[in-house]
């Protein structure tokens, strides 16, 4: 899931479970549970009891983790309120990294796609602009692009991997396929000017429902079609993967207005089959 860097733990490669690695020490689900138990109980002893582990083994494990990741648990001795332990800021950062890795692994297991029919309106190199029921969207139409121009997907594939077909021409009928892992959901007031960012596609809509998961949820957003005169285009439902933490932070609920954005290089254009 990625190469080790000097800036922080790297995900464990080739594993079916989420694990971070730093200096050869893995941080996995059991370690995350231990830190969360310390946070809830206010002491290592209480956390160990809650998890059915010995205090000595819990302390040893925390010390091992701290050798690699830095101070994770701050101990308080005696005093008026008695002793106890609390999580350091670095521990909360580590838990956040772990949760994001879990979300990525969950996302790569099953990534919903939004598929829109459209007609190519313009072609610029490896990118094409497609006229769709919800407006003009940009995407890759095949071929090879420079690595620096391609946004790596959460599943480790470049956005153009597996793109069907070759070059397209103006007037061609295509499908626009958008992976839910590529879509970023923001508060409606946080609509970003697409010309000021590499996120070339932007839509506005309303949350229709949230399919909750343990660490990552699928948010369904209804986008109304643009005004097309006499046509009867129906509203489009766009899927986006988002962590439970982000849902709480944004306070998302059905009916809420939101803005969506995603990169053109994370959008595949596939020729329609007659």
Protein backbone atom coordinates (compact mmCIF):
# COMPACT_ATOMS: atom_id res chain seq x y z
CA UNK A 1 0.00 0.00 0.00
CA UNK A 2 2.95 2.33 -0.23
CA UNK A 3 6.67 2.75 0.36
CA UNK A 4 8.16 3.66 3.76
CA UNK A 5 8.97 7.32 4.15
CA UNK A 6 10.86 9.45 6.64
CA UNK A 7 7.70 11.39 7.48
CA UNK A 8 5.82 8.62 9.25
CA UNK A 9 4.79 4.99 9.39
CA UNK A 10 4.25 3.14 6.15
CA UNK A 11 1.46 0.62 5.62
CA UNK A 12 2.45 -3.03 5.71
CA UNK A 13 2.63 -4.29 2.16
CA UNK A 14 0.95 -7.43 0.93
CA UNK A 15 -1.19 -8.02 4.01
CA UNK A 16 -4.90 -8.68 4.30
CA UNK A 17 -5.10 -6.58 7.45
CA UNK A 18 -4.29 -2.99 8.27
CA UNK A 19 -0.87 -2.45 9.82
CA UNK A 20 1.57 0.45 9.99
CA UNK A 21 5.32 -0.16 10.19
CA UNK A 22 8.00 2.06 11.71
CA UNK A 23 11.56 0.86 12.44
CA UNK A 24 10.39 -2.72 11.95
CA UNK A 25 7.61 -2.43 14.55
CA UNK A 26 4.04 -3.08 13.39
CA UNK A 27 1.07 -1.15 14.71
CA UNK A 28 -2.11 -3.15 14.06
CA UNK A 29 -5.68 -3.54 15.26
CA UNK A 30 -4.71 -4.97 18.66
CA UNK A 31 -2.43 -2.01 19.30
CA UNK A 32 -5.14 0.44 18.24
CA UNK A 33 -7.56 -1.28 20.62
CA UNK A 34 -5.02 -1.00 23.45
CA UNK A 35 -4.52 2.74 22.96
CA UNK A 36 -8.25 3.35 22.73
CA UNK A 37 -8.80 1.32 25.90
CA UNK A 38 -6.17 3.42 27.73
CA UNK A 39 -7.97 6.53 26.54
CA UNK A 40 -11.33 5.23 27.79
CA UNK A 41 -10.12 3.76 31.10
CA UNK A 42 -7.61 6.47 31.99
CA UNK A 43 -4.98 3.92 32.97
CA UNK A 44 -2.98 1.06 31.49
CA UNK A 45 -4.19 -1.30 34.21
CA UNK A 46 -7.81 -0.47 33.45
CA UNK A 47 -7.22 -0.89 29.74
CA UNK A 48 -5.55 -4.26 30.23
CA UNK A 49 -8.43 -5.45 32.42
CA UNK A 50 -10.98 -4.32 29.86
CA UNK A 51 -9.15 -6.20 27.09
CA UNK A 52 -8.45 -9.30 29.17
CA UNK A 53 -4.69 -8.80 29.06
CA UNK A 54 -2.12 -8.57 31.84
CA UNK A 55 -0.94 -5.12 32.90
CA UNK A 56 2.69 -6.19 32.47
CA UNK A 57 2.16 -7.31 28.88
CA UNK A 58 0.21 -4.15 28.05
CA UNK A 59 3.02 -1.98 29.47
CA UNK A 60 5.65 -3.96 27.57
CA UNK A 61 3.75 -3.56 24.33
CA UNK A 62 3.32 0.19 24.84
CA UNK A 63 7.06 0.55 25.54
CA UNK A 64 7.87 -1.38 22.35
CA UNK A 65 5.58 0.87 20.33
CA UNK A 66 7.04 3.99 21.90
CA UNK A 67 10.57 2.93 20.95
CA UNK A 68 9.45 3.16 17.32
CA UNK A 69 6.70 5.77 17.29
CA UNK A 70 7.66 8.09 20.16
CA UNK A 71 5.71 8.84 23.32
CA UNK A 72 2.16 7.51 23.03
CA UNK A 73 0.96 7.34 26.65
CA UNK A 74 1.57 10.04 29.23
CA UNK A 75 1.68 8.70 32.82
CA UNK A 76 0.60 10.75 35.84
CA UNK A 77 1.78 9.77 39.31
CA UNK A 78 -0.31 10.07 42.50
CA UNK A 79 -1.47 13.56 43.39
CA UNK A 80 -4.86 14.77 44.52
CA UNK A 81 -6.70 13.02 41.74
CA UNK A 82 -4.60 9.86 41.88
CA UNK A 83 -2.40 8.49 39.14
CA UNK A 84 -3.40 7.48 35.66
CA UNK A 85 -2.53 7.60 31.99
CA UNK A 86 -3.71 9.52 28.97
CA UNK A 87 -2.92 9.45 25.28
CA UNK A 88 -0.32 11.83 23.92
CA UNK A 89 -1.11 13.85 20.80
CA UNK A 90 1.21 11.56 18.84
CA UNK A 91 -0.95 8.57 19.82
CA UNK A 92 -4.06 10.26 18.46
CA UNK A 93 -2.19 11.05 15.24
CA UNK A 94 -1.14 7.41 14.99
CA UNK A 95 -4.72 6.21 15.51
CA UNK A 96 -5.86 8.63 12.82
CA UNK A 97 -3.27 7.23 10.38
CA UNK A 98 -4.37 3.71 11.21
CA UNK A 99 -8.04 4.55 10.68
CA UNK A 100 -7.24 6.09 7.29
CA UNK A 101 -5.34 2.96 6.28
CA UNK A 102 -8.28 0.79 7.32
CA UNK A 103 -10.55 2.99 5.23
CA UNK A 104 -8.28 2.59 2.21
CA UNK A 105 -8.19 -1.20 2.58
CA UNK A 106 -11.96 -1.32 2.93
CA UNK A 107 -12.35 0.93 -0.08
CA UNK A 108 -10.16 -1.20 -2.33
CA UNK A 109 -12.15 -4.31 -1.45
CA UNK A 110 -15.27 -2.93 -3.10
CA UNK A 111 -15.32 0.47 -4.75
CA UNK A 112 -18.70 1.56 -6.15
CA UNK A 113 -18.63 3.37 -9.48
CA UNK A 114 -20.85 6.12 -10.79
CA UNK A 115 -21.45 5.63 -14.53
CA UNK A 116 -22.77 8.45 -16.73
CA UNK A 117 -23.52 8.39 -20.45
CA UNK A 118 -22.25 11.32 -22.45
CA UNK A 119 -20.88 12.68 -25.69
CA UNK A 120 -17.32 13.89 -26.22
CA UNK A 121 -17.34 17.67 -26.61
CA UNK A 122 -13.59 18.34 -26.82
CA UNK A 123 -10.28 16.48 -26.72
CA UNK A 124 -7.02 17.85 -25.29
CA UNK A 125 -4.21 15.28 -25.33
CA UNK A 126 -5.07 12.36 -23.05
CA UNK A 127 -8.02 14.24 -21.54
CA UNK A 128 -11.45 14.73 -23.04
CA UNK A 129 -14.41 16.88 -22.03
CA UNK A 130 -17.71 15.01 -22.06
CA UNK A 131 -21.18 16.51 -22.16
CA UNK A 132 -23.27 14.61 -19.56
CA UNK A 133 -26.72 15.08 -17.99
CA UNK A 134 -25.06 16.91 -15.06
CA UNK A 135 -22.82 19.13 -17.17
CA UNK A 136 -19.35 18.89 -18.69
CA UNK A 137 -16.93 16.47 -17.03
CA UNK A 138 -13.28 15.76 -17.86
CA UNK A 139 -11.58 12.38 -17.89
CA UNK A 140 -8.86 10.16 -19.32
CA UNK A 141 -9.68 8.46 -22.60
CA UNK A 142 -6.83 5.94 -22.77
CA UNK A 143 -3.17 6.00 -23.67
CA UNK A 144 -0.33 6.98 -21.36
CA UNK A 145 0.14 10.15 -19.35
CA UNK A 146 3.10 11.40 -17.35
CA UNK A 147 3.33 9.86 -13.89
CA UNK A 148 3.27 13.27 -12.24
CA UNK A 149 -0.04 14.05 -13.91
CA UNK A 150 -1.79 10.90 -12.68
CA UNK A 151 -3.40 10.82 -9.25
CA UNK A 152 -2.67 7.48 -7.59
CA UNK A 153 -5.85 5.76 -6.53
CA UNK A 154 -6.38 4.31 -3.08
CA UNK A 155 -6.02 0.78 -4.45
CA UNK A 156 -2.49 1.48 -5.71
CA UNK A 157 -3.44 1.66 -9.41
CA UNK A 158 -2.85 4.74 -11.48
CA UNK A 159 -6.09 6.30 -12.64
CA UNK A 160 -5.56 5.25 -16.27
CA UNK A 161 -4.81 1.58 -15.48
CA UNK A 162 -7.44 -0.54 -17.16
CA UNK A 163 -8.97 2.32 -19.12
CA UNK A 164 -10.88 0.75 -21.98
CA UNK A 165 -10.30 1.63 -25.60
CA UNK A 166 -7.99 4.13 -27.24
CA UNK A 167 -8.36 7.74 -28.26
CA UNK A 168 -11.79 9.27 -28.68
CA UNK A 169 -13.04 11.97 -31.03
CA UNK A 170 -15.53 14.79 -30.70
CA UNK A 171 -19.04 13.41 -31.06
CA UNK A 172 -18.22 9.92 -29.74
CA UNK A 173 -20.63 8.36 -27.28
CA UNK A 174 -18.82 7.35 -24.08
CA UNK A 175 -19.42 6.28 -20.52
CA UNK A 176 -17.91 8.40 -17.74
CA UNK A 177 -16.88 6.14 -14.87
CA UNK A 178 -16.05 7.68 -11.50
CA UNK A 179 -14.73 5.54 -8.64
CA UNK A 180 -16.25 6.42 -5.26
CA UNK A 181 -12.72 6.41 -3.78
CA UNK A 182 -11.76 9.37 -6.00
CA UNK A 183 -14.60 11.69 -4.94
CA UNK A 184 -14.06 14.26 -2.18
CA UNK A 185 -17.13 15.49 -0.29
CA UNK A 186 -17.15 19.00 1.17
CA UNK A 187 -19.60 21.30 2.84
CA UNK A 188 -21.63 23.17 0.23
CA UNK A 189 -20.01 26.42 1.36
CA UNK A 190 -16.57 24.93 0.59
CA UNK A 191 -17.05 24.76 -3.17
CA UNK A 192 -13.57 25.18 -4.65
CA UNK A 193 -12.89 26.99 -7.89
CA UNK A 194 -11.90 24.11 -10.22
CA UNK A 195 -9.41 26.36 -12.01
CA UNK A 196 -7.50 26.82 -8.73
CA UNK A 197 -6.92 23.12 -8.13
CA UNK A 198 -6.06 19.94 -9.99
CA UNK A 199 -9.55 18.67 -9.16
CA UNK A 200 -10.97 19.39 -12.59
CA UNK A 201 -14.51 18.12 -11.94
CA UNK A 202 -16.96 19.71 -9.54
CA UNK A 203 -20.65 19.15 -8.85
CA UNK A 204 -23.17 20.26 -6.25
CA UNK A 205 -25.83 18.00 -4.81
CA UNK A 206 -27.64 16.77 -1.72
CA UNK A 207 -26.98 13.72 0.42
CA UNK A 208 -29.66 11.11 -0.29
CA UNK A 209 -28.43 8.38 2.06
CA UNK A 210 -25.41 7.14 3.96
CA UNK A 211 -24.56 3.43 3.92
CA UNK A 212 -22.54 3.17 7.11
CA UNK A 213 -19.55 0.86 7.52
CA UNK A 214 -17.25 0.15 10.44
CA UNK A 215 -14.52 2.55 9.30
CA UNK A 216 -15.67 3.83 5.91
CA UNK A 217 -19.15 4.63 4.61
CA UNK A 218 -20.64 5.11 1.16
CA UNK A 219 -22.37 8.46 0.83
CA UNK A 220 -24.91 8.76 -1.97
CA UNK A 221 -25.36 12.28 -3.35
CA UNK A 222 -28.15 13.25 -5.72
CA UNK A 223 -27.09 15.69 -8.44
CA UNK A 224 -29.80 17.39 -10.46
CA UNK A 225 -29.37 17.53 -14.26
CA UNK A 226 -28.54 20.80 -15.94
CA UNK A 227 -31.27 22.64 -17.84
CA UNK A 228 -31.65 20.83 -21.15
CA UNK A 229 -34.89 22.26 -22.41
CA UNK A 230 -37.25 19.52 -23.52
CA UNK A 231 -35.11 16.57 -22.39
CA UNK A 232 -36.23 14.47 -19.44
CA UNK A 233 -32.87 13.63 -17.86
CA UNK A 234 -33.34 12.22 -14.38
CA UNK A 235 -31.30 13.16 -11.33
CA UNK A 236 -27.97 11.33 -11.01
CA UNK A 237 -26.77 9.62 -7.84
CA UNK A 238 -23.01 9.88 -7.24
CA UNK A 239 -21.27 7.57 -4.76
CA UNK A 240 -18.40 8.70 -2.53
CA UNK A 241 -16.37 6.77 0.04
CA UNK A 242 -15.76 8.72 3.25
CA UNK A 243 -14.47 7.80 6.70
CA UNK A 244 -16.78 7.82 9.71
CA UNK A 245 -14.56 10.50 11.22
CA UNK A 246 -15.12 12.78 8.21
CA UNK A 247 -18.87 12.18 8.31
CA UNK A 248 -18.91 13.29 11.95
CA UNK A 249 -16.67 16.28 11.23
CA UNK A 250 -18.89 17.46 8.39
CA UNK A 251 -22.07 16.54 10.27
CA UNK A 252 -23.45 14.85 7.16
CA UNK A 253 -27.07 13.74 7.11
CA UNK A 254 -29.63 13.00 4.36
CA UNK A 255 -30.82 16.21 2.75
CA UNK A 256 -27.63 18.18 3.42
CA UNK A 257 -26.24 20.21 0.49
CA UNK A 258 -22.65 19.29 -0.39
CA UNK A 259 -20.05 19.97 -3.05
CA UNK A 260 -18.15 17.18 -4.81
CA UNK A 261 -14.85 17.31 -6.62
CA UNK A 262 -12.44 14.83 -8.15
CA UNK A 263 -9.55 14.84 -10.60
CA UNK A 264 -9.97 14.31 -14.29
CA UNK A 265 -7.10 11.81 -14.08
CA UNK A 266 -9.23 9.73 -11.69
CA UNK A 267 -12.06 9.54 -14.23
CA UNK A 268 -12.20 6.87 -16.94
CA UNK A 269 -13.91 7.33 -20.28
CA UNK A 270 -15.10 4.13 -21.97
CA UNK A 271 -16.55 3.89 -25.45
CA UNK A 272 -20.21 2.92 -25.42
CA UNK A 273 -21.02 -0.41 -27.06
CA UNK A 274 -23.87 -0.31 -29.54
